[in-house]
Protein backbone atom coordinates (compact mmCIF):
# COMPACT_ATOMS: atom_id res chain seq x y z
CA MET A 1 -6.58 2.46 -50.04
CA THR A 2 -4.91 5.69 -48.91
CA THR A 3 -5.33 6.82 -45.33
CA PRO A 4 -8.05 9.48 -45.04
CA ALA A 5 -7.67 12.75 -43.19
CA GLY A 6 -9.76 13.64 -40.15
CA MET A 7 -11.84 16.77 -39.64
CA ILE A 8 -13.52 17.90 -36.43
CA LEU A 9 -16.81 19.74 -36.82
CA GLY A 10 -17.96 22.21 -34.17
CA ALA A 11 -16.45 23.42 -30.91
CA GLY A 12 -16.48 20.53 -28.43
CA ASP A 13 -15.47 22.66 -25.43
CA VAL A 14 -16.92 20.49 -22.64
CA ARG A 15 -14.13 18.80 -20.67
CA ILE A 16 -13.85 15.09 -19.95
CA TRP A 17 -10.95 13.33 -18.23
CA GLY A 18 -9.07 16.63 -18.02
CA MET A 19 -9.40 17.55 -21.72
CA THR A 20 -12.00 18.99 -24.05
CA ALA A 21 -14.14 16.71 -26.19
CA ARG A 22 -12.43 18.24 -29.22
CA GLU A 23 -8.98 17.36 -27.88
CA ARG A 24 -10.15 13.84 -27.12
CA LEU A 25 -11.41 13.52 -30.67
CA ARG A 26 -8.10 14.82 -32.01
CA ARG A 27 -6.28 12.12 -30.03
CA THR A 28 -8.72 9.52 -31.32
CA PHE A 29 -7.94 10.52 -34.90
CA ALA A 30 -4.22 10.47 -34.18
CA ARG A 31 -4.40 6.96 -32.71
CA ALA A 32 -6.22 5.85 -35.85
CA LYS A 33 -3.27 7.37 -37.79
CA LEU A 34 -5.43 10.07 -39.37
CA ALA A 35 -3.92 13.51 -39.84
CA VAL A 36 -6.27 16.17 -38.46
CA VAL A 37 -6.95 18.98 -40.95
CA GLU A 38 -8.89 22.23 -40.64
CA THR A 39 -9.95 22.39 -44.29
CA ALA A 40 -10.72 19.70 -46.82
CA PRO A 41 -7.73 18.42 -48.82
CA ALA A 42 -7.75 18.55 -52.60
CA SER A 43 -8.23 14.80 -52.91
CA GLY A 44 -8.56 11.59 -50.97
CA GLY A 45 -10.99 10.64 -48.26
CA VAL A 46 -11.99 12.58 -45.14
CA VAL A 47 -13.50 11.28 -41.91
CA LEU A 48 -15.82 13.92 -40.47
CA ALA A 49 -16.82 13.80 -36.80
CA LEU A 50 -18.84 16.12 -34.59
CA GLY A 51 -16.60 17.71 -31.97
CA GLY A 52 -19.20 17.66 -29.21
CA TRP A 53 -19.46 13.88 -29.17
CA VAL A 54 -17.41 11.19 -27.41
CA TYR A 55 -16.49 8.30 -29.69
CA ASP A 56 -15.05 4.91 -28.87
CA GLU A 57 -11.71 4.49 -30.64
CA SER A 58 -12.97 1.46 -32.52
CA LEU A 59 -15.75 3.47 -34.17
CA LEU A 60 -13.60 5.99 -35.96
CA ALA A 61 -10.90 3.41 -36.69
CA THR A 62 -13.53 1.28 -38.42
CA LEU A 63 -15.08 4.26 -40.19
CA ALA A 64 -11.64 5.19 -41.53
CA LYS A 65 -11.59 1.84 -43.35
CA ARG A 66 -15.11 2.24 -44.74
CA PRO A 67 -15.31 4.89 -47.50
CA ASP A 68 -18.74 6.26 -48.32
CA ALA A 69 -20.12 5.29 -44.91
CA VAL A 70 -21.94 7.17 -42.19
CA LEU A 71 -21.89 6.35 -38.47
CA VAL A 72 -25.31 6.49 -36.85
CA THR A 73 -26.46 6.16 -33.25
CA ASP A 74 -29.03 3.64 -32.07
CA ASP A 75 -31.58 6.45 -32.50
CA GLY A 76 -30.58 6.89 -36.12
CA GLU A 77 -28.73 10.18 -35.65
CA ALA A 78 -25.75 10.67 -38.01
CA VAL A 79 -22.62 11.77 -36.11
CA ALA A 80 -19.66 10.95 -38.39
CA ALA A 81 -19.01 10.11 -42.02
CA HIS A 82 -16.23 9.02 -44.39
CA VAL A 83 -16.58 10.88 -47.67
CA PRO A 84 -14.44 11.94 -50.64
CA ALA A 85 -12.79 15.35 -50.30
CA SER A 86 -15.13 16.72 -52.95
CA GLN A 87 -18.16 16.01 -50.74
CA VAL A 88 -16.82 17.42 -47.46
CA ALA A 89 -18.77 20.69 -47.57
CA GLU A 90 -22.08 18.99 -48.29
CA ALA A 91 -21.58 16.20 -45.74
CA SER A 92 -20.34 18.64 -43.06
CA ALA A 93 -23.42 20.80 -43.45
CA ALA A 94 -25.66 17.75 -43.16
CA LEU A 95 -23.98 16.41 -40.00
CA GLU A 96 -23.92 19.81 -38.26
CA SER A 97 -27.60 20.34 -39.00
CA GLY A 98 -28.55 16.91 -37.68
CA ARG A 99 -29.21 15.37 -41.09
CA GLU A 100 -27.76 12.18 -42.56
CA PRO A 101 -25.59 12.80 -45.64
CA ALA A 102 -27.19 11.27 -48.71
CA GLY A 103 -25.88 8.24 -50.56
CA LEU A 104 -23.79 6.72 -47.76
CA GLN A 105 -23.86 3.23 -46.28
CA ARG A 106 -24.93 3.12 -42.65
CA LEU A 107 -22.50 1.84 -40.02
CA SER A 108 -24.34 0.91 -36.81
CA LEU A 109 -23.15 0.23 -33.26
CA ALA A 110 -24.50 -3.30 -33.41
CA GLU A 111 -21.76 -4.22 -35.88
CA LEU A 112 -19.04 -3.14 -33.45
CA SER A 113 -20.07 -4.60 -30.10
CA TYR A 114 -17.20 -7.10 -29.68
CA ASN A 115 -13.88 -5.71 -28.43
CA GLU A 116 -11.25 -8.40 -28.96
CA ALA A 117 -8.46 -6.45 -27.26
CA LEU A 118 -10.46 -6.15 -24.02
CA ARG A 119 -12.10 -9.57 -24.40
CA LYS A 120 -15.71 -8.49 -23.96
CA ARG A 121 -18.91 -7.75 -25.85
CA GLU A 122 -20.66 -4.45 -25.20
CA PRO A 123 -21.86 -1.45 -27.25
CA PRO A 124 -19.01 1.00 -27.93
CA VAL A 125 -19.20 4.46 -26.43
CA LEU A 126 -20.96 7.02 -28.62
CA VAL A 127 -22.63 9.91 -26.79
CA ARG A 128 -23.12 13.67 -27.04
CA LEU A 129 -21.12 15.36 -24.26
CA THR A 130 -22.83 18.08 -22.22
CA PRO A 131 -21.90 19.78 -18.92
CA GLU A 132 -24.74 17.82 -17.27
CA ASN A 133 -23.62 14.33 -18.32
CA VAL A 134 -19.82 14.59 -17.98
CA ARG A 135 -19.59 12.35 -14.91
CA ALA A 136 -21.94 9.79 -16.43
CA VAL A 137 -19.92 9.72 -19.65
CA GLU A 138 -16.69 9.42 -17.67
CA ALA A 139 -18.19 6.45 -15.87
CA ARG A 140 -19.23 4.94 -19.20
CA THR A 141 -15.84 5.43 -20.86
CA PHE A 142 -14.10 4.06 -17.77
CA ALA A 143 -16.29 0.97 -17.81
CA GLY A 144 -15.55 0.66 -21.53
CA SER A 145 -11.82 0.60 -20.77
CA TYR A 146 -12.16 -2.43 -18.50
CA LYS A 147 -11.30 -5.90 -19.65
CA GLY A 148 -14.26 -8.23 -19.65
CA VAL A 149 -12.15 -11.27 -18.74
CA THR A 150 -9.84 -10.70 -15.80
CA ASP A 151 -9.31 -11.71 -12.17
CA VAL A 152 -11.90 -11.38 -9.42
CA VAL A 153 -10.13 -8.50 -7.64
CA THR A 154 -9.72 -6.37 -10.76
CA LYS A 155 -13.25 -7.11 -11.95
CA TYR A 156 -15.22 -6.62 -8.73
CA TRP A 157 -13.11 -4.75 -6.15
CA TRP A 158 -11.16 -2.09 -8.00
CA PRO A 159 -13.60 -0.43 -10.49
CA VAL A 160 -15.09 2.26 -8.22
CA PRO A 161 -11.91 3.41 -6.40
CA ALA A 162 -9.88 3.05 -9.59
CA ARG A 163 -12.27 5.35 -11.47
CA ILE A 164 -11.90 8.00 -8.77
CA VAL A 165 -8.10 7.82 -8.74
CA THR A 166 -7.95 7.68 -12.54
CA ARG A 167 -9.92 10.93 -12.70
CA TRP A 168 -7.59 12.58 -10.18
CA CYS A 169 -4.58 11.50 -12.23
CA ALA A 170 -6.13 12.76 -15.48
CA ILE A 171 -6.96 16.18 -14.02
CA ALA A 172 -3.49 16.44 -12.43
CA GLY A 173 -1.87 15.68 -15.77
CA LEU A 174 -0.21 12.46 -14.63
CA ARG A 175 0.61 10.10 -17.47
CA PRO A 176 0.16 6.32 -17.32
CA ASN A 177 3.93 5.75 -17.23
CA HIS A 178 4.17 7.84 -14.06
CA VAL A 179 1.67 5.53 -12.36
CA THR A 180 3.40 2.44 -13.75
CA PHE A 181 6.75 3.62 -12.37
CA ILE A 182 5.27 4.09 -8.89
CA GLY A 183 3.89 0.56 -9.20
CA PHE A 184 7.35 -0.69 -10.18
CA LEU A 185 8.84 0.84 -7.01
CA LEU A 186 6.16 -0.94 -4.99
CA VAL A 187 7.03 -4.22 -6.73
CA LEU A 188 10.59 -3.83 -5.46
CA ALA A 189 9.43 -2.82 -1.98
CA ALA A 190 7.09 -5.81 -1.70
CA PHE A 191 9.87 -8.17 -2.84
CA TYR A 192 12.26 -6.81 -0.18
CA LEU A 193 9.66 -6.89 2.58
CA PHE A 194 8.55 -10.44 1.76
CA TRP A 195 12.21 -11.50 1.75
CA GLN A 196 12.69 -9.98 5.20
CA GLY A 197 9.60 -11.72 6.54
CA GLN A 198 7.71 -8.43 6.86
CA PHE A 199 4.66 -9.96 5.23
CA GLY A 200 2.09 -7.43 6.40
CA TRP A 201 3.95 -4.42 5.01
CA GLY A 202 4.83 -6.41 1.91
CA LEU A 203 1.18 -7.26 1.31
CA LEU A 204 0.24 -3.60 1.73
CA CYS A 205 2.78 -2.63 -0.96
CA GLY A 206 1.63 -5.52 -3.12
CA TRP A 207 -2.04 -4.61 -2.93
CA ILE A 208 -1.38 -0.94 -3.67
CA MET A 209 0.69 -2.03 -6.65
CA THR A 210 -2.13 -4.22 -7.99
CA PHE A 211 -4.49 -1.26 -7.62
CA LEU A 212 -2.15 1.07 -9.51
CA ASP A 213 -1.75 -1.64 -12.12
CA THR A 214 -5.46 -1.20 -12.78
CA VAL A 215 -5.25 2.60 -12.73
CA ASP A 216 -2.39 2.98 -15.22
CA GLY A 217 -4.11 0.95 -17.93
CA LYS A 218 -7.42 2.70 -17.46
CA LEU A 219 -5.73 6.11 -17.42
CA ALA A 220 -4.04 5.27 -20.72
CA ARG A 221 -7.31 4.20 -22.33
CA VAL A 222 -9.59 6.99 -21.12
CA THR A 223 -7.07 9.74 -21.93
CA LEU A 224 -5.93 8.03 -25.16
CA THR A 225 -2.28 8.27 -24.12
CA SER A 226 -1.18 4.64 -24.26
CA SER A 227 2.07 3.97 -26.11
CA ALA A 228 4.06 0.98 -27.29
CA ILE A 229 6.81 1.68 -24.75
CA GLY A 230 4.32 2.13 -21.92
CA ASN A 231 2.55 -1.07 -22.89
CA VAL A 232 5.82 -3.03 -22.83
CA PHE A 233 6.80 -1.44 -19.50
CA ASP A 234 3.47 -2.20 -17.86
CA HIS A 235 2.97 -5.72 -19.21
CA GLY A 236 6.64 -6.56 -18.75
CA ILE A 237 6.42 -5.78 -15.04
CA ASP A 238 3.16 -7.74 -14.75
CA LEU A 239 4.68 -10.75 -16.48
CA ILE A 240 7.99 -10.92 -14.65
CA HIS A 241 7.49 -9.91 -11.03
CA PRO A 242 5.04 -12.51 -9.57
CA PRO A 243 7.52 -15.43 -9.43
CA PHE A 244 10.00 -13.19 -7.58
CA TRP A 245 7.36 -12.30 -5.02
CA TRP A 246 6.61 -15.95 -4.32
CA TRP A 247 10.34 -16.75 -4.08
CA ALA A 248 10.75 -13.86 -1.62
CA TRP A 249 7.78 -15.18 0.40
CA TYR A 250 9.54 -18.56 0.53
CA ALA A 251 12.74 -16.89 1.74
CA GLY A 252 10.82 -14.93 4.37
CA CYS A 253 9.05 -18.05 5.63
CA PHE A 254 12.00 -20.43 5.77
CA GLY A 255 14.98 -18.11 6.17
CA ILE A 256 16.77 -19.38 3.06
CA TRP A 257 16.98 -18.18 -0.53
CA ALA A 258 18.27 -21.37 -2.18
CA ILE A 259 15.54 -23.71 -3.38
CA GLY A 260 15.96 -27.05 -1.67
CA THR A 261 14.55 -30.51 -2.31
CA ASP A 262 12.40 -30.65 0.81
CA ALA A 263 8.64 -30.09 0.83
CA ALA A 264 9.00 -26.31 0.85
CA GLY A 265 11.47 -26.38 -2.05
CA ILE A 266 9.23 -28.66 -4.09
CA ALA A 267 6.27 -26.37 -3.38
CA LEU A 268 8.26 -23.39 -4.65
CA TRP A 269 9.22 -25.27 -7.81
CA VAL A 270 5.53 -26.01 -8.37
CA ILE A 271 4.67 -22.32 -7.96
CA LEU A 272 7.45 -21.04 -10.21
CA GLY A 273 7.23 -23.80 -12.81
CA GLY A 274 3.44 -23.74 -12.81
CA TYR A 275 3.37 -20.01 -13.44
CA VAL A 276 5.83 -20.23 -16.33
CA VAL A 277 4.17 -23.25 -17.96
CA GLN A 278 0.71 -21.66 -17.71
CA ARG A 279 2.02 -18.57 -19.46
CA VAL A 280 3.57 -20.75 -22.15
CA ILE A 281 0.27 -22.57 -22.64
CA GLU A 282 -1.53 -19.24 -23.01
CA GLY A 283 1.06 -18.14 -25.57
CA ILE A 284 0.70 -21.35 -27.58
CA PHE A 285 -3.07 -21.01 -27.61
CA MET A 286 -2.89 -17.36 -28.66
CA ARG A 287 -0.43 -18.10 -31.46
CA ARG A 288 -2.43 -20.99 -32.86
CA PHE A 289 -5.99 -19.66 -32.52
CA GLY A 290 -5.51 -15.89 -32.50
CA PHE A 291 -7.29 -15.10 -29.22
CA HIS A 292 -6.79 -15.64 -25.50
CA VAL A 293 -7.53 -19.04 -24.00
CA HIS A 294 -9.64 -17.39 -21.29
CA SER A 295 -11.96 -16.04 -23.97
CA TRP A 296 -12.65 -19.45 -25.51
CA ARG A 297 -15.64 -20.73 -23.53
CA ALA A 298 -17.75 -19.39 -20.68
CA PHE A 299 -15.97 -21.72 -18.24
CA ASP A 300 -12.57 -20.45 -19.38
CA SER A 301 -13.65 -16.85 -18.74
CA PHE A 302 -14.94 -17.82 -15.31
CA PHE A 303 -11.73 -19.64 -14.45
CA ARG A 304 -9.70 -16.52 -15.28
CA LEU A 305 -11.36 -14.93 -12.23
CA ILE A 306 -9.61 -17.32 -9.87
CA THR A 307 -6.71 -18.92 -11.72
CA ALA A 308 -3.33 -18.88 -9.95
CA ARG A 309 -2.17 -15.43 -10.99
CA ARG A 310 -0.92 -12.61 -8.80
CA ASN A 311 -4.19 -11.24 -7.40
CA PRO A 312 -5.89 -14.57 -6.59
CA ASN A 313 -2.63 -15.71 -4.96
CA LEU A 314 -2.58 -12.56 -2.83
CA LEU A 315 -6.14 -13.41 -1.80
CA ILE A 316 -4.77 -16.69 -0.44
CA LEU A 317 -1.68 -15.22 1.23
CA THR A 318 -3.39 -12.27 2.92
CA PRO A 319 -5.79 -14.18 5.22
CA ALA A 320 -3.06 -16.74 5.89
CA TRP A 321 -0.79 -13.94 7.12
CA ALA A 322 -3.69 -12.41 9.07
CA ILE A 323 -4.08 -15.60 11.14
CA GLY A 324 -0.32 -15.88 11.61
CA GLN A 325 0.17 -18.72 9.11
CA PRO A 326 2.26 -17.39 6.19
CA VAL A 327 3.74 -20.86 5.64
CA LEU A 328 0.25 -22.32 5.23
CA GLY A 329 -0.52 -19.61 2.69
CA PHE A 330 2.62 -20.55 0.77
CA TYR A 331 1.61 -24.20 0.54
CA LEU A 332 -1.96 -23.29 -0.45
CA VAL A 333 -0.62 -21.16 -3.30
CA ALA A 334 1.46 -24.15 -4.44
CA ILE A 335 -1.57 -26.44 -4.40
CA TRP A 336 -3.72 -23.91 -6.27
CA THR A 337 -0.99 -23.33 -8.84
CA GLY A 338 -0.76 -27.07 -9.50
CA LEU A 339 -4.52 -27.37 -9.94
CA SER A 340 -4.62 -24.31 -12.22
CA LEU A 341 -1.83 -25.79 -14.34
CA ILE A 342 -3.87 -28.97 -14.81
CA VAL A 343 -6.88 -26.93 -15.96
CA HIS A 344 -4.75 -24.99 -18.44
CA ALA A 345 -3.19 -28.16 -19.80
CA VAL A 346 -6.63 -29.71 -20.32
CA GLN A 347 -7.80 -26.54 -22.08
CA LEU A 348 -4.89 -26.72 -24.53
CA VAL A 349 -5.32 -30.45 -25.19
CA GLN A 350 -9.04 -29.99 -25.83
CA ALA A 351 -8.44 -27.13 -28.25
CA MET A 352 -5.68 -28.93 -30.13
CA ALA A 353 -7.95 -31.96 -30.58
CA MET A 354 -10.60 -29.85 -32.34
CA PRO A 355 -10.61 -28.56 -35.92
CA ARG A 356 -8.96 -25.16 -35.87
CA GLU A 357 -11.92 -23.36 -37.40
CA ARG A 358 -14.21 -24.56 -34.60
CA VAL A 359 -12.13 -22.98 -31.85
CA VAL A 360 -13.64 -19.48 -31.59
CA SER A 361 -14.29 -17.14 -28.69
CA TRP A 362 -17.73 -17.45 -27.16
CA LEU A 363 -17.69 -13.64 -26.78
CA SER A 364 -17.49 -13.08 -30.53
CA ARG A 365 -20.53 -15.19 -31.42
């Protein structure tokens, strides 16, 4: 099947996340690899969409793969359609007048409620944008950009302030990579400060970095400006830096950088090795079953809230520093990493012991 073109119907002048609804729709088409045209081509398919509406990316991407289909709201209102070039005029007139083009198969929101990339089930965004509901729609699209399975800090602490800062960044024209780069500088600052035993300042840099790590991803999703390079940059930093932070914390606590064979050295090996092995387990699970281990069962999604990753570990280290016991915090992180590794290992063994076709995400059922 050839890739259809995309056409935007109507003005769409109301602004959201620093751009007009029409510009947002143009970016949505572009991310679905649809060329935006002003007039119908001589042949092929065309995806028509009303410019005054805000669409989840998944909706138009799915519609682009469904010829002779019409996208309808929960109220039965037709807002987009995939038709042959020869039917563009007729279908455009129907959509702009609020009618459903005849002879098309309905595509409903209920079919598209599971977002595998963000590991959650919820109705995709599809709403008419007006000057009165801009903030509400921004809140809805921001919530739609959030992963359903993540750590406790990202899930419960950051959403409100991150939405505010994300909006500021969008209006100021900042791109996600700008935010990621600032976060990268804070990664380096936290590492240096931990190494020097300046744990309080290091934690401040670390927490700001974790906050910006939430902002950059949300900024990319709500402004539709994510890129392959930005994704590698962001996730590469996230993947690599935590072990260096914990090594620096060890150096700051004990005044040495070499990893010894005493209790502190063994604890550091547990932290570093446990982190790496857990990531390997996650990779094996993903490769074999095609989805993330933390999306398998309800317990696995719950455990992702607290498993020994960067943010939960910072939640251990911060109060330990606050009471003047950074060494205690270090050992507690080691213990929690060891326990988390055991849970991950059990998860993998359980999955491998089951028929492959029975291992499916509880969120997709």
